C-alpha cells in the first residue's frame, strides 16, 4: 500500500556470541567434557529493542557514539543482517552504502569496468549504467585514465571514481554510513552539488554520521543511538 512506511522495525535485537581463544582449545574442551564443566560464551548485544517507523520521504539522521550500534542497525535495514529477535520490514528498492571510501573497487579492472560493476552490485541495470558512463567519466576528471586499471590510480583518483559511480545510482531508500568521501578541495567543490542532488533524489534517506553539520544540512530529523538502544525518537 502507498501509505506503508519505507522502513518499520519492530522490537529489533541483534546479539553476537563472543568466544575467546580458550573455547577452541582442544585440551580444555576434553577436560570440560570429562568434568562436565561448561564454558559459556559471552553474549554481546549490539542492538536492543529498537522499534522505529520511517515514513516514505523522510530524511533521517542517525547519530551516537562509536559502538552505539549505528552500523549494525543500518545493516538490518539494508537486509544484509538478520535480527536475532524482532522484525524489519522494508518497502522499496534499497541502496546501502555501508563500506569505506574504496569499498567495492577491483584493482585489476579499469575505471570504466569498476563503475559498471559497482552500479550493478548496487542494484542498477548494466544498460542504465552504460548510458551514464560518459557522464561518469567526465565528472571523475580521469580522462584517458578512466580506461586504465584501478591499481594504477592514486587514492584520490579511486575516491573520485567510487563517488561518481555511486552518485549516478538511484533508489527508493538510501542508507549511508558516515557519508560519502570525496577526494580533494577542487573535487569537493564540484561534488557538493552532485551529492546534495543524490541525497534529494532518494525517496527516503537514513544518514549515519558524527558530523552535526552534515546531519543538519541533509536531514529533517535526527535520532540518537546509545548502547544499542534509541535515546530519542
Protein backbone atom coordinates (compact mmCIF):
# COMPACT_ATOMS: atom_id res chain seq x y z
CA UNK A 1 0.00 0.00 0.00
CA UNK A 2 1.16 3.52 -0.76
CA UNK A 3 0.83 4.63 2.87
CA UNK A 4 3.11 1.86 4.17
CA UNK A 5 6.27 3.22 5.82
CA UNK A 6 9.56 2.92 3.97
CA UNK A 7 11.09 1.07 6.93
CA UNK A 8 9.49 -0.41 10.03
CA UNK A 9 11.45 -2.01 12.86
CA UNK A 10 9.53 -3.98 15.50
CA UNK A 11 11.48 -4.72 18.70
CA UNK A 12 14.71 -5.47 16.82
CA UNK A 13 17.56 -7.10 18.72
CA UNK A 14 20.97 -8.11 17.36
CA UNK A 15 23.18 -10.25 19.56
CA UNK A 16 26.52 -11.96 18.94
CA UNK A 17 28.04 -14.93 20.71
CA UNK A 18 31.63 -13.97 21.51
CA UNK A 19 34.02 -16.84 22.01
CA UNK A 20 37.52 -16.43 23.42
CA UNK A 21 40.60 -18.40 22.43
CA UNK A 22 40.13 -20.95 25.22
CA UNK A 23 36.82 -22.03 23.66
CA UNK A 24 38.85 -23.51 20.79
CA UNK A 25 41.47 -25.22 22.98
CA UNK A 26 41.10 -28.99 22.42
CA UNK A 27 42.75 -29.94 25.72
CA UNK A 28 40.42 -27.66 27.67
CA UNK A 29 37.42 -28.92 25.69
CA UNK A 30 38.34 -32.52 26.54
CA UNK A 31 38.79 -31.66 30.22
CA UNK A 32 35.45 -29.86 30.27
CA UNK A 33 33.77 -32.87 28.70
CA UNK A 34 35.15 -35.18 31.41
CA UNK A 35 34.32 -32.84 34.30
CA UNK A 36 31.06 -31.71 32.67
CA UNK A 37 32.16 -28.14 33.04
CA UNK A 38 30.64 -25.66 30.59
CA UNK A 39 32.43 -22.61 29.21
CA UNK A 40 29.69 -20.15 28.34
CA UNK A 41 30.39 -17.73 25.51
CA UNK A 42 29.86 -14.04 26.21
CA UNK A 43 26.75 -12.56 24.61
CA UNK A 44 27.26 -9.13 23.02
CA UNK A 45 24.13 -7.07 22.40
CA UNK A 46 24.68 -4.65 19.52
CA UNK A 47 21.05 -3.53 19.12
CA UNK A 48 18.39 -3.90 21.79
CA UNK A 49 14.66 -3.50 21.45
CA UNK A 50 14.64 -0.90 18.67
CA UNK A 51 11.20 -0.06 17.32
CA UNK A 52 11.09 2.61 14.64
CA UNK A 53 8.83 3.64 11.78
CA UNK A 54 10.33 5.69 8.94
CA UNK A 55 7.66 7.23 6.65
CA UNK A 56 8.38 7.48 2.95
CA UNK A 57 10.15 10.69 2.01
CA UNK A 58 11.85 11.06 5.40
CA UNK A 59 15.39 12.48 5.65
CA UNK A 60 16.53 10.88 8.90
CA UNK A 61 19.88 11.44 10.60
CA UNK A 62 21.32 8.75 12.87
CA UNK A 63 23.97 9.72 15.40
CA UNK A 64 25.57 8.36 18.56
CA UNK A 65 28.99 7.43 19.96
CA UNK A 66 31.23 4.78 18.44
CA UNK A 67 29.97 1.31 19.29
CA UNK A 68 26.40 2.50 19.80
CA UNK A 69 25.02 0.16 17.13
CA UNK A 70 24.51 2.59 14.22
CA UNK A 71 26.23 0.46 11.58
CA UNK A 72 24.53 -2.69 12.85
CA UNK A 73 21.12 -1.05 12.67
CA UNK A 74 21.77 0.15 9.11
CA UNK A 75 22.82 -3.38 8.14
CA UNK A 76 19.48 -4.67 9.46
CA UNK A 77 17.61 -2.03 7.45
CA UNK A 78 19.63 -2.97 4.36
CA UNK A 79 18.68 -6.63 4.73
CA UNK A 80 22.27 -7.83 5.00
CA UNK A 81 21.90 -8.74 8.68
CA UNK A 82 19.02 -10.74 10.14
CA UNK A 83 17.87 -9.64 13.61
CA UNK A 84 18.29 -12.10 16.46
CA UNK A 85 14.79 -11.11 17.56
CA UNK A 86 12.15 -8.83 16.18
CA UNK A 87 11.29 -7.92 12.62
CA UNK A 88 12.49 -5.44 9.99
CA UNK A 89 10.14 -4.57 7.12
CA UNK A 90 11.40 -2.56 4.12
CA UNK A 91 9.15 -1.28 1.33
CA UNK A 92 11.15 -0.21 -1.71
CA UNK A 93 14.43 -0.66 -3.50
CA UNK A 94 17.33 -0.07 -1.12
CA UNK A 95 20.73 1.42 -1.91
CA UNK A 96 23.02 0.76 1.06
CA UNK A 97 26.41 2.49 1.23
CA UNK A 98 27.96 0.81 4.23
CA UNK A 99 31.63 0.45 3.23
CA UNK A 100 34.73 2.62 3.33
CA UNK A 101 35.91 5.06 0.65
CA UNK A 102 37.48 2.33 -1.52
CA UNK A 103 34.83 -0.33 -0.86
CA UNK A 104 33.77 -2.26 -3.95
CA UNK A 105 36.66 -1.41 -6.28
CA UNK A 106 38.54 -4.17 -8.10
CA UNK A 107 42.15 -3.02 -8.65
CA UNK A 108 42.54 -5.28 -11.70
CA UNK A 109 39.55 -3.75 -13.51
CA UNK A 110 39.58 -0.42 -15.33
CA UNK A 111 37.73 2.61 -14.01
CA UNK A 112 35.02 2.02 -16.60
CA UNK A 113 34.62 -1.64 -15.63
CA UNK A 114 34.54 -0.73 -11.94
CA UNK A 115 31.88 1.93 -12.48
CA UNK A 116 29.72 -0.60 -14.30
CA UNK A 117 30.16 -3.44 -11.80
CA UNK A 118 29.73 -1.15 -8.79
CA UNK A 119 26.46 0.20 -10.15
CA UNK A 120 25.19 -3.31 -10.91
CA UNK A 121 26.08 -4.52 -7.40
CA UNK A 122 24.10 -1.57 -6.02
CA UNK A 123 21.04 -2.72 -7.97
CA UNK A 124 21.25 -0.73 -11.22
CA UNK A 125 20.97 -2.39 -14.63
CA UNK A 126 24.04 -2.69 -16.91
CA UNK A 127 22.19 -0.80 -19.66
CA UNK A 128 21.38 2.10 -17.34
CA UNK A 129 24.99 2.30 -16.13
CA UNK A 130 26.35 2.20 -19.69
CA UNK A 131 24.03 5.06 -20.66
CA UNK A 132 25.54 7.15 -17.85
CA UNK A 133 29.14 6.15 -18.49
CA UNK A 134 30.19 9.22 -20.50
CA UNK A 135 28.85 11.46 -17.74
CA UNK A 136 30.62 9.40 -15.08
CA UNK A 137 33.90 9.59 -16.98
CA UNK A 138 33.61 13.35 -17.42
CA UNK A 139 32.76 14.07 -13.79
CA UNK A 140 35.64 11.98 -12.42
CA UNK A 141 38.10 14.07 -14.41
CA UNK A 142 40.12 10.93 -15.06
CA UNK A 143 40.31 11.41 -18.82
CA UNK A 144 42.11 8.53 -20.53
CA UNK A 145 42.93 7.04 -17.14
CA UNK A 146 39.27 6.03 -16.92
CA UNK A 147 40.19 3.02 -19.09
CA UNK A 148 43.32 2.12 -17.12
CA UNK A 149 43.40 -0.45 -14.29
CA UNK A 150 42.47 0.95 -10.88
CA UNK A 151 45.68 -0.36 -9.29
CA UNK A 152 47.46 2.44 -11.22
CA UNK A 153 45.26 5.10 -9.57
CA UNK A 154 46.17 7.26 -6.61
CA UNK A 155 43.88 7.01 -3.58
CA UNK A 156 42.26 10.31 -4.58
CA UNK A 157 41.50 9.02 -8.08
CA UNK A 158 39.91 5.91 -6.59
CA UNK A 159 37.69 8.01 -4.34
CA UNK A 160 36.64 10.17 -7.31
CA UNK A 161 35.68 7.08 -9.28
CA UNK A 162 33.70 5.47 -6.47
CA UNK A 163 31.94 8.71 -5.51
CA UNK A 164 30.87 9.44 -9.09
CA UNK A 165 29.70 5.89 -9.82
CA UNK A 166 27.69 5.69 -6.60
CA UNK A 167 26.02 9.06 -7.05
CA UNK A 168 24.83 8.04 -10.51
CA UNK A 169 22.56 5.35 -8.99
CA UNK A 170 19.00 5.99 -7.82
CA UNK A 171 16.92 4.08 -5.25
CA UNK A 172 13.72 4.36 -3.23
CA UNK A 173 15.58 4.09 0.09
CA UNK A 174 19.13 5.35 0.61
CA UNK A 175 21.15 4.17 3.61
CA UNK A 176 24.50 5.89 4.15
CA UNK A 177 27.04 5.08 6.87
CA UNK A 178 29.34 8.02 7.68
CA UNK A 179 28.81 9.88 4.42
CA UNK A 180 30.49 9.52 1.05
CA UNK A 181 34.07 10.70 0.91
CA UNK A 182 35.40 12.92 -1.85
CA UNK A 183 39.00 13.43 -2.83
CA UNK A 184 40.39 16.95 -2.63
CA UNK A 185 39.34 20.58 -2.36
CA UNK A 186 38.81 21.11 -6.08
CA UNK A 187 36.79 17.93 -6.49
CA UNK A 188 34.85 18.54 -3.26
CA UNK A 189 33.66 21.88 -4.59
CA UNK A 190 32.24 20.22 -7.71
CA UNK A 191 30.96 17.24 -5.73
CA UNK A 192 28.91 19.18 -3.17
CA UNK A 193 26.07 20.00 -5.57
CA UNK A 194 26.08 16.47 -7.01
CA UNK A 195 25.95 14.96 -3.52
CA UNK A 196 23.00 17.14 -2.49
CA UNK A 197 21.14 16.14 -5.65
CA UNK A 198 21.95 12.49 -4.96
CA UNK A 199 20.54 12.70 -1.44
CA UNK A 200 17.47 14.61 -2.61
CA UNK A 201 16.72 12.14 -5.41
CA UNK A 202 16.23 9.28 -2.96
CA UNK A 203 12.66 8.76 -1.83
CA UNK A 204 13.77 8.11 1.74
CA UNK A 205 17.20 8.57 3.32
CA UNK A 206 18.84 7.48 6.55
CA UNK A 207 22.27 9.03 7.05
CA UNK A 208 24.57 7.98 9.89
CA UNK A 209 27.26 10.48 10.83
CA UNK A 210 29.17 12.01 13.72
CA UNK A 211 29.30 15.34 11.89
CA UNK A 212 26.46 17.58 13.06
CA UNK A 213 26.83 19.94 10.08
CA UNK A 214 26.23 17.07 7.65
CA UNK A 215 23.12 15.93 9.51
CA UNK A 216 21.74 19.48 9.76
CA UNK A 217 22.36 20.08 6.05
CA UNK A 218 20.82 16.90 4.67
CA UNK A 219 18.34 15.64 7.29
CA UNK A 220 14.98 16.84 8.56
CA UNK A 221 15.23 14.96 11.84
CA UNK A 222 17.96 13.28 13.89
CA UNK A 223 17.71 10.39 16.33
CA UNK A 224 20.42 9.20 18.71
CA UNK A 225 21.50 5.64 19.37
CA UNK A 226 23.34 4.68 22.52
CA UNK A 227 24.37 1.22 23.72
CA UNK A 228 22.21 -0.30 21.01
CA UNK A 229 19.01 1.49 22.03
CA UNK A 230 17.27 4.63 20.83
CA UNK A 231 17.84 7.57 23.15
CA UNK A 232 15.38 9.89 21.40
CA UNK A 233 12.82 9.40 18.60
